[in-house]
C-alpha atoms as a PDB file:
ATOM      1  CA  MET A   1      -4.601  15.868  19.379  1.00  0.00           C
ATOM      2  CA  HIS A   2      -2.894  19.169  19.755  1.00  0.00           C
ATOM      3  CA  GLN A   3      -1.460  20.849  22.798  1.00  0.00           C
ATOM      4  CA  TYR A   4       0.396  24.065  23.482  1.00  0.00           C
ATOM      5  CA  ALA A   5       4.016  23.361  22.542  1.00  0.00           C
ATOM      6  CA  LYS A   6       5.527  24.419  25.872  1.00  0.00           C
ATOM      7  CA  MET A   7       3.332  22.147  27.975  1.00  0.00           C
ATOM      8  CA  PRO A   8       4.450  18.656  29.008  1.00  0.00           C
ATOM      9  CA  TRP A   9       2.906  16.389  26.397  1.00  0.00           C
ATOM     10  CA  ARG A  10       4.482  12.934  26.387  1.00  0.00           C
ATOM     11  CA  GLY A  11       2.435  11.385  29.219  1.00  0.00           C
ATOM     12  CA  VAL A  12      -0.876  12.794  28.028  1.00  0.00           C
ATOM     13  CA  PHE A  13      -0.218  11.684  24.461  1.00  0.00           C
ATOM     14  CA  ALA A  14       0.882   8.195  25.526  1.00  0.00           C
ATOM     15  CA  ASP A  15      -2.346   7.749  27.499  1.00  0.00           C
ATOM     16  CA  ALA A  16      -4.484   9.022  24.624  1.00  0.00           C
ATOM     17  CA  GLU A  17      -2.631   6.923  22.035  1.00  0.00           C
ATOM     18  CA  ALA A  18      -3.388   3.771  24.013  1.00  0.00           C
ATOM     19  CA  ILE A  19      -7.105   4.576  23.799  1.00  0.00           C
ATOM     20  CA  PHE A  20      -6.904   5.465  20.111  1.00  0.00           C
ATOM     21  CA  ARG A  21      -4.938   2.327  19.215  1.00  0.00           C
ATOM     22  CA  ALA A  22      -7.358   0.105  21.140  1.00  0.00           C
ATOM     23  CA  ASN A  23     -10.058   1.460  18.836  1.00  0.00           C
ATOM     24  CA  GLY A  24      -8.177   1.156  15.536  1.00  0.00           C
ATOM     25  CA  GLY A  25      -6.764   4.671  15.501  1.00  0.00           C
ATOM     26  CA  ARG A  26      -3.210   5.756  14.910  1.00  0.00           C
ATOM     27  CA  PRO A  27      -1.402   9.037  15.406  1.00  0.00           C
ATOM     28  CA  HIS A  28      -0.152  11.040  12.473  1.00  0.00           C
ATOM     29  CA  TRP A  29       3.580  10.321  12.354  1.00  0.00           C
ATOM     30  CA  ALA A  30       4.397  13.906  11.362  1.00  0.00           C
ATOM     31  CA  LYS A  31       2.757  15.299  14.494  1.00  0.00           C
ATOM     32  CA  ARG A  32       3.780  14.819  18.123  1.00  0.00           C
ATOM     33  CA  HIS A  33       3.454  11.224  19.224  1.00  0.00           C
ATOM     34  CA  THR A  34       5.251   8.507  21.166  1.00  0.00           C
ATOM     35  CA  LEU A  35       5.645   6.075  18.250  1.00  0.00           C
ATOM     36  CA  THR A  36       8.850   4.129  17.783  1.00  0.00           C
ATOM     37  CA  ARG A  37      10.072   2.746  14.474  1.00  0.00           C
ATOM     38  CA  ALA A  38       8.577  -0.640  15.411  1.00  0.00           C
ATOM     39  CA  ASP A  39       5.229   1.040  16.107  1.00  0.00           C
ATOM     40  CA  VAL A  40       5.319   2.753  12.709  1.00  0.00           C
ATOM     41  CA  ASP A  41       6.019  -0.593  11.035  1.00  0.00           C
ATOM     42  CA  THR A  42       3.038  -2.146  12.813  1.00  0.00           C
ATOM     43  CA  LEU A  43       0.592   0.707  12.249  1.00  0.00           C
ATOM     44  CA  TYR A  44       1.600   1.661   8.711  1.00  0.00           C
ATOM     45  CA  PRO A  45       1.886  -1.501   6.576  1.00  0.00           C
ATOM     46  CA  MET A  46       3.537   0.419   3.722  1.00  0.00           C
ATOM     47  CA  ALA A  47       6.235   2.027   5.885  1.00  0.00           C
ATOM     48  CA  ASN A  48       9.071   0.082   4.263  1.00  0.00           C
ATOM     49  CA  ARG A  49       7.794   1.008   0.821  1.00  0.00           C
ATOM     50  CA  TYR A  50       7.815   4.642   1.893  1.00  0.00           C
ATOM     51  CA  ARG A  51      11.408   4.253   3.168  1.00  0.00           C
ATOM     52  CA  THR A  52      12.469   2.881  -0.218  1.00  0.00           C
ATOM     53  CA  VAL A  53      10.873   5.788  -2.066  1.00  0.00           C
ATOM     54  CA  ARG A  54      12.282   8.298   0.417  1.00  0.00           C
ATOM     55  CA  ARG A  55      15.817   6.930  -0.020  1.00  0.00           C
ATOM     56  CA  ALA A  56      15.492   7.064  -3.813  1.00  0.00           C
ATOM     57  CA  ALA A  57      14.211  10.653  -3.755  1.00  0.00           C
ATOM     58  CA  ASP A  58      16.561  11.899  -1.015  1.00  0.00           C
ATOM     59  CA  PRO A  59      19.583   9.575  -0.774  1.00  0.00           C
ATOM     60  CA  ALA A  60      21.573  12.077   1.292  1.00  0.00           C
ATOM     61  CA  GLY A  61      18.745  12.552   3.808  1.00  0.00           C
ATOM     62  CA  LYS A  62      18.647  16.304   3.285  1.00  0.00           C
ATOM     63  CA  PHE A  63      14.946  16.454   4.168  1.00  0.00           C
ATOM     64  CA  LEU A  64      15.205  14.290   7.285  1.00  0.00           C
ATOM     65  CA  ASN A  65      15.195  15.771  10.739  1.00  0.00           C
ATOM     66  CA  PRO A  66      16.095  13.759  13.867  1.00  0.00           C
ATOM     67  CA  HIS A  67      12.431  12.803  14.408  1.00  0.00           C
ATOM     68  CA  LEU A  68      11.922  11.511  10.854  1.00  0.00           C
ATOM     69  CA  GLU A  69      15.359   9.912  10.731  1.00  0.00           C
ATOM     70  CA  ALA A  70      14.493   7.742  13.731  1.00  0.00           C
ATOM     71  CA  LEU A  71      11.325   6.547  12.007  1.00  0.00           C
ATOM     72  CA  PHE A  72      12.254   6.417   8.323  1.00  0.00           C
ATOM     73  CA  SER A  73      16.012   6.373   7.706  1.00  0.00           C
END
């Protein structure tokens, strides 16, 4: 899903994500979504493996932003 950046999005996305998840879908973690770290761990079975690789490749977190840090630091 995409929406104009200046429009309120969180409620609409949360409602849509519930429908998508009930049908086996998952949002792309690099796009707007309402996922928490726990949600990422549930939906992406290799999330911890990714975190290990990310830490090895970028130990200082130079390429993290606040959004990605919350999910993958």
